Amino acid sequence: MMKRGEQLDVKFYTNKDNYPCAWIGSKKIQGFCLILNQEGLSWLRTYLETGEAEDFGFNPNSVTAYGEGEDNDFQLSIFKQLILAGKALQFVPTFREYGAKITASAFFRKGKIFFRLERTEELYDYLLEKELIA
């Protein structure tokens, strides 16, 4: 997909075995799970931002699961990293949301990252503090 320069749709999550994962798809390829380590995350982000598809140093066999008691919300972690990096996110207005979710998207040169997060008091206050939602 990357070698062809496709636009990627990416969602992050933690799988049932406690591994950080990305669900990656495009218009031509149905989504699939990719277990990530820090190098894999950097490789994916580089592609999304620049279109460069080199995967030097990414060994998907060297991934470790989150430990017992460790904060394992990978999606929330990536979400906050993008906010701290100053990435503009587009939010679905809270009055249009159903259930207890916050939905946002980040747009890049070579794809999009979609977030669907549990709407907790802590997260809502964090987004208000950062003036990302009203």
C-alpha atoms as a PDB file:
ATOM      1  CA  MET A   1       0.000   0.000   0.000  1.00  0.00           C
ATOM      2  CA  MET A   2       2.768   2.400   0.921  1.00  0.00           C
ATOM      3  CA  LYS A   3       4.888   1.560  -2.117  1.00  0.00           C
ATOM      4  CA  ARG A   4       1.859   2.440  -4.294  1.00  0.00           C
ATOM      5  CA  GLY A   5       1.415   5.734  -2.399  1.00  0.00           C
ATOM      6  CA  GLU A   6      -2.111   4.936  -1.224  1.00  0.00           C
ATOM      7  CA  GLN A   7      -4.041   7.085   1.234  1.00  0.00           C
ATOM      8  CA  LEU A   8      -4.294   5.125   4.506  1.00  0.00           C
ATOM      9  CA  ASP A   9      -7.098   5.042   7.051  1.00  0.00           C
ATOM     10  CA  VAL A  10      -5.650   4.263  10.481  1.00  0.00           C
ATOM     11  CA  LYS A  11      -7.212   3.470  13.847  1.00  0.00           C
ATOM     12  CA  PHE A  12      -5.204   2.664  16.959  1.00  0.00           C
ATOM     13  CA  TYR A  13      -6.224   0.248  19.698  1.00  0.00           C
ATOM     14  CA  THR A  14      -4.951  -2.316  22.177  1.00  0.00           C
ATOM     15  CA  ASN A  15      -5.777  -5.892  21.187  1.00  0.00           C
ATOM     16  CA  LYS A  16      -7.097  -8.603  23.512  1.00  0.00           C
ATOM     17  CA  ASP A  17      -3.550  -9.827  24.188  1.00  0.00           C
ATOM     18  CA  ASN A  18      -2.559  -6.313  25.366  1.00  0.00           C
ATOM     19  CA  TYR A  19      -0.442  -5.403  22.314  1.00  0.00           C
ATOM     20  CA  PRO A  20      -0.533  -1.904  20.807  1.00  0.00           C
ATOM     21  CA  CYS A  21      -2.005  -2.158  17.293  1.00  0.00           C
ATOM     22  CA  ALA A  22      -2.998  -0.134  14.282  1.00  0.00           C
ATOM     23  CA  TRP A  23      -5.892  -1.080  12.024  1.00  0.00           C
ATOM     24  CA  ILE A  24      -4.781   0.018   8.564  1.00  0.00           C
ATOM     25  CA  GLY A  25      -6.832   0.057   5.388  1.00  0.00           C
ATOM     26  CA  SER A  26      -7.227   1.965   2.140  1.00  0.00           C
ATOM     27  CA  LYS A  27      -9.665   2.200  -0.755  1.00  0.00           C
ATOM     28  CA  LYS A  28      -7.993  -0.770  -2.444  1.00  0.00           C
ATOM     29  CA  ILE A  29      -7.018  -2.915   0.554  1.00  0.00           C
ATOM     30  CA  GLN A  30      -9.380  -4.049   3.305  1.00  0.00           C
ATOM     31  CA  GLY A  31      -8.231  -3.220   6.824  1.00  0.00           C
ATOM     32  CA  PHE A  32      -5.755  -5.390   8.710  1.00  0.00           C
ATOM     33  CA  CYS A  33      -4.128  -5.358  12.132  1.00  0.00           C
ATOM     34  CA  LEU A  34      -0.471  -4.367  12.517  1.00  0.00           C
ATOM     35  CA  ILE A  35       1.076  -4.867  15.962  1.00  0.00           C
ATOM     36  CA  LEU A  36       3.357  -1.910  16.636  1.00  0.00           C
ATOM     37  CA  ASN A  37       6.475  -1.071  18.587  1.00  0.00           C
ATOM     38  CA  GLN A  38       8.019   2.417  18.743  1.00  0.00           C
ATOM     39  CA  GLU A  39       9.915   1.920  15.462  1.00  0.00           C
ATOM     40  CA  GLY A  40       6.749   0.747  13.702  1.00  0.00           C
ATOM     41  CA  LEU A  41       4.835   3.736  15.005  1.00  0.00           C
ATOM     42  CA  SER A  42       7.558   6.098  13.764  1.00  0.00           C
ATOM     43  CA  TRP A  43       7.584   4.349  10.369  1.00  0.00           C
ATOM     44  CA  LEU A  44       3.804   4.676  10.037  1.00  0.00           C
ATOM     45  CA  ARG A  45       3.796   8.309  11.119  1.00  0.00           C
ATOM     46  CA  THR A  46       6.626   9.150   8.698  1.00  0.00           C
ATOM     47  CA  TYR A  47       4.615   7.650   5.853  1.00  0.00           C
ATOM     48  CA  LEU A  48       1.458   9.532   6.834  1.00  0.00           C
ATOM     49  CA  GLU A  49       3.318  12.848   7.076  1.00  0.00           C
ATOM     50  CA  THR A  50       5.758  12.608   4.148  1.00  0.00           C
ATOM     51  CA  GLY A  51       4.848   9.632   1.976  1.00  0.00           C
ATOM     52  CA  GLU A  52       8.243   8.010   2.605  1.00  0.00           C
ATOM     53  CA  ALA A  53       7.789   4.232   2.865  1.00  0.00           C
ATOM     54  CA  GLU A  54      11.190   3.053   4.142  1.00  0.00           C
ATOM     55  CA  ASP A  55      10.821   0.553   6.989  1.00  0.00           C
ATOM     56  CA  PHE A  56      14.432   0.320   8.183  1.00  0.00           C
ATOM     57  CA  GLY A  57      14.613  -0.794  11.794  1.00  0.00           C
ATOM     58  CA  PHE A  58      11.004  -1.961  12.074  1.00  0.00           C
ATOM     59  CA  ASN A  59      10.909  -5.540  13.290  1.00  0.00           C
ATOM     60  CA  PRO A  60       7.299  -6.538  14.066  1.00  0.00           C
ATOM     61  CA  ASN A  61       8.572  -9.558  16.028  1.00  0.00           C
ATOM     62  CA  SER A  62      10.138  -7.341  18.688  1.00  0.00           C
ATOM     63  CA  VAL A  63       6.893  -5.987  20.112  1.00  0.00           C
ATOM     64  CA  THR A  64       6.077  -6.268  23.813  1.00  0.00           C
ATOM     65  CA  ALA A  65       2.621  -6.337  25.306  1.00  0.00           C
ATOM     66  CA  TYR A  66       1.569  -3.887  27.981  1.00  0.00           C
ATOM     67  CA  GLY A  67       2.325  -5.162  31.458  1.00  0.00           C
ATOM     68  CA  GLU A  68      -0.129  -5.842  34.262  1.00  0.00           C
ATOM     69  CA  GLY A  69      -1.329  -2.556  35.771  1.00  0.00           C
ATOM     70  CA  GLU A  70       0.273  -0.505  32.986  1.00  0.00           C
ATOM     71  CA  ASP A  71      -1.871   2.128  31.225  1.00  0.00           C
ATOM     72  CA  ASN A  72      -2.745   0.250  28.050  1.00  0.00           C
ATOM     73  CA  ASP A  73      -5.029   2.707  26.232  1.00  0.00           C
ATOM     74  CA  PHE A  74      -2.884   2.985  23.096  1.00  0.00           C
ATOM     75  CA  GLN A  75      -5.484   5.022  21.195  1.00  0.00           C
ATOM     76  CA  LEU A  76      -5.669   7.657  23.949  1.00  0.00           C
ATOM     77  CA  SER A  77      -1.878   7.779  24.153  1.00  0.00           C
ATOM     78  CA  ILE A  78      -1.543   8.503  20.411  1.00  0.00           C
ATOM     79  CA  PHE A  79      -4.398  11.024  20.617  1.00  0.00           C
ATOM     80  CA  LYS A  80      -2.635  12.987  23.380  1.00  0.00           C
ATOM     81  CA  GLN A  81       0.728  12.782  21.583  1.00  0.00           C
ATOM     82  CA  LEU A  82      -0.796  14.415  18.509  1.00  0.00           C
ATOM     83  CA  ILE A  83      -2.374  17.150  20.636  1.00  0.00           C
ATOM     84  CA  LEU A  84       0.941  17.852  22.394  1.00  0.00           C
ATOM     85  CA  ALA A  85       2.701  17.947  19.007  1.00  0.00           C
ATOM     86  CA  GLY A  86       0.256  20.675  17.913  1.00  0.00           C
ATOM     87  CA  LYS A  87      -1.512  18.564  15.280  1.00  0.00           C
ATOM     88  CA  ALA A  88      -4.892  20.005  14.324  1.00  0.00           C
ATOM     89  CA  LEU A  89      -7.698  17.538  15.023  1.00  0.00           C
ATOM     90  CA  GLN A  90     -11.210  17.703  13.673  1.00  0.00           C
ATOM     91  CA  PHE A  91     -13.875  16.775  16.232  1.00  0.00           C
ATOM     92  CA  VAL A  92     -17.436  15.644  15.725  1.00  0.00           C
ATOM     93  CA  PRO A  93     -19.477  18.197  17.692  1.00  0.00           C
ATOM     94  CA  THR A  94     -20.406  16.768  21.087  1.00  0.00           C
ATOM     95  CA  PHE A  95     -24.109  17.517  20.576  1.00  0.00           C
ATOM     96  CA  ARG A  96     -24.081  15.236  17.494  1.00  0.00           C
ATOM     97  CA  GLU A  97     -22.343  12.365  19.289  1.00  0.00           C
ATOM     98  CA  TYR A  98     -24.373   9.476  20.536  1.00  0.00           C
ATOM     99  CA  GLY A  99     -23.444   7.459  23.559  1.00  0.00           C
ATOM    100  CA  ALA A 100     -20.442   8.245  25.645  1.00  0.00           C
ATOM    101  CA  LYS A 101     -17.865   8.780  22.887  1.00  0.00           C
ATOM    102  CA  ILE A 102     -15.620  11.524  21.590  1.00  0.00           C
ATOM    103  CA  THR A 103     -14.838  11.198  17.890  1.00  0.00           C
ATOM    104  CA  ALA A 104     -11.981  13.001  16.152  1.00  0.00           C
ATOM    105  CA  SER A 105      -9.827  12.749  13.035  1.00  0.00           C
ATOM    106  CA  ALA A 106      -6.300  13.832  12.179  1.00  0.00           C
ATOM    107  CA  PHE A 107      -5.504  14.460   8.515  1.00  0.00           C
ATOM    108  CA  PHE A 108      -2.081  13.928   6.982  1.00  0.00           C
ATOM    109  CA  ARG A 109      -0.586  14.088   3.512  1.00  0.00           C
ATOM    110  CA  LYS A 110      -0.903  10.319   3.014  1.00  0.00           C
ATOM    111  CA  GLY A 111      -3.897   9.405   5.139  1.00  0.00           C
ATOM    112  CA  LYS A 112      -6.119   9.913   8.141  1.00  0.00           C
ATOM    113  CA  ILE A 113      -6.153   8.729  11.726  1.00  0.00           C
ATOM    114  CA  PHE A 114      -9.565   8.165  13.275  1.00  0.00           C
ATOM    115  CA  PHE A 115     -10.233   8.256  17.016  1.00  0.00           C
ATOM    116  CA  ARG A 116     -13.302   7.067  18.903  1.00  0.00           C
ATOM    117  CA  LEU A 117     -12.593   7.500  22.594  1.00  0.00           C
ATOM    118  CA  GLU A 118     -14.557   6.849  25.749  1.00  0.00           C
ATOM    119  CA  ARG A 119     -15.913  10.166  26.978  1.00  0.00           C
ATOM    120  CA  THR A 120     -14.566  10.366  30.500  1.00  0.00           C
ATOM    121  CA  GLU A 121     -14.658  13.390  32.764  1.00  0.00           C
ATOM    122  CA  GLU A 122     -10.857  13.489  32.721  1.00  0.00           C
ATOM    123  CA  LEU A 123     -10.632  13.458  28.905  1.00  0.00           C
ATOM    124  CA  TYR A 124     -13.408  16.013  28.513  1.00  0.00           C
ATOM    125  CA  ASP A 125     -11.691  18.374  30.990  1.00  0.00           C
ATOM    126  CA  TYR A 126      -8.364  17.845  29.193  1.00  0.00           C
ATOM    127  CA  LEU A 127      -9.906  18.842  25.840  1.00  0.00           C
ATOM    128  CA  LEU A 128     -11.597  21.877  27.407  1.00  0.00           C
ATOM    129  CA  GLU A 129      -8.298  22.924  28.993  1.00  0.00           C
ATOM    130  CA  LYS A 130      -6.540  22.655  25.605  1.00  0.00           C
ATOM    131  CA  GLU A 131      -9.473  24.606  24.063  1.00  0.00           C
ATOM    132  CA  LEU A 132     -10.111  21.864  21.506  1.00  0.00           C
ATOM    133  CA  ILE A 133     -13.823  21.546  22.188  1.00  0.00           C
ATOM    134  CA  ALA A 134     -16.416  24.017  23.392  1.00  0.00           C
END
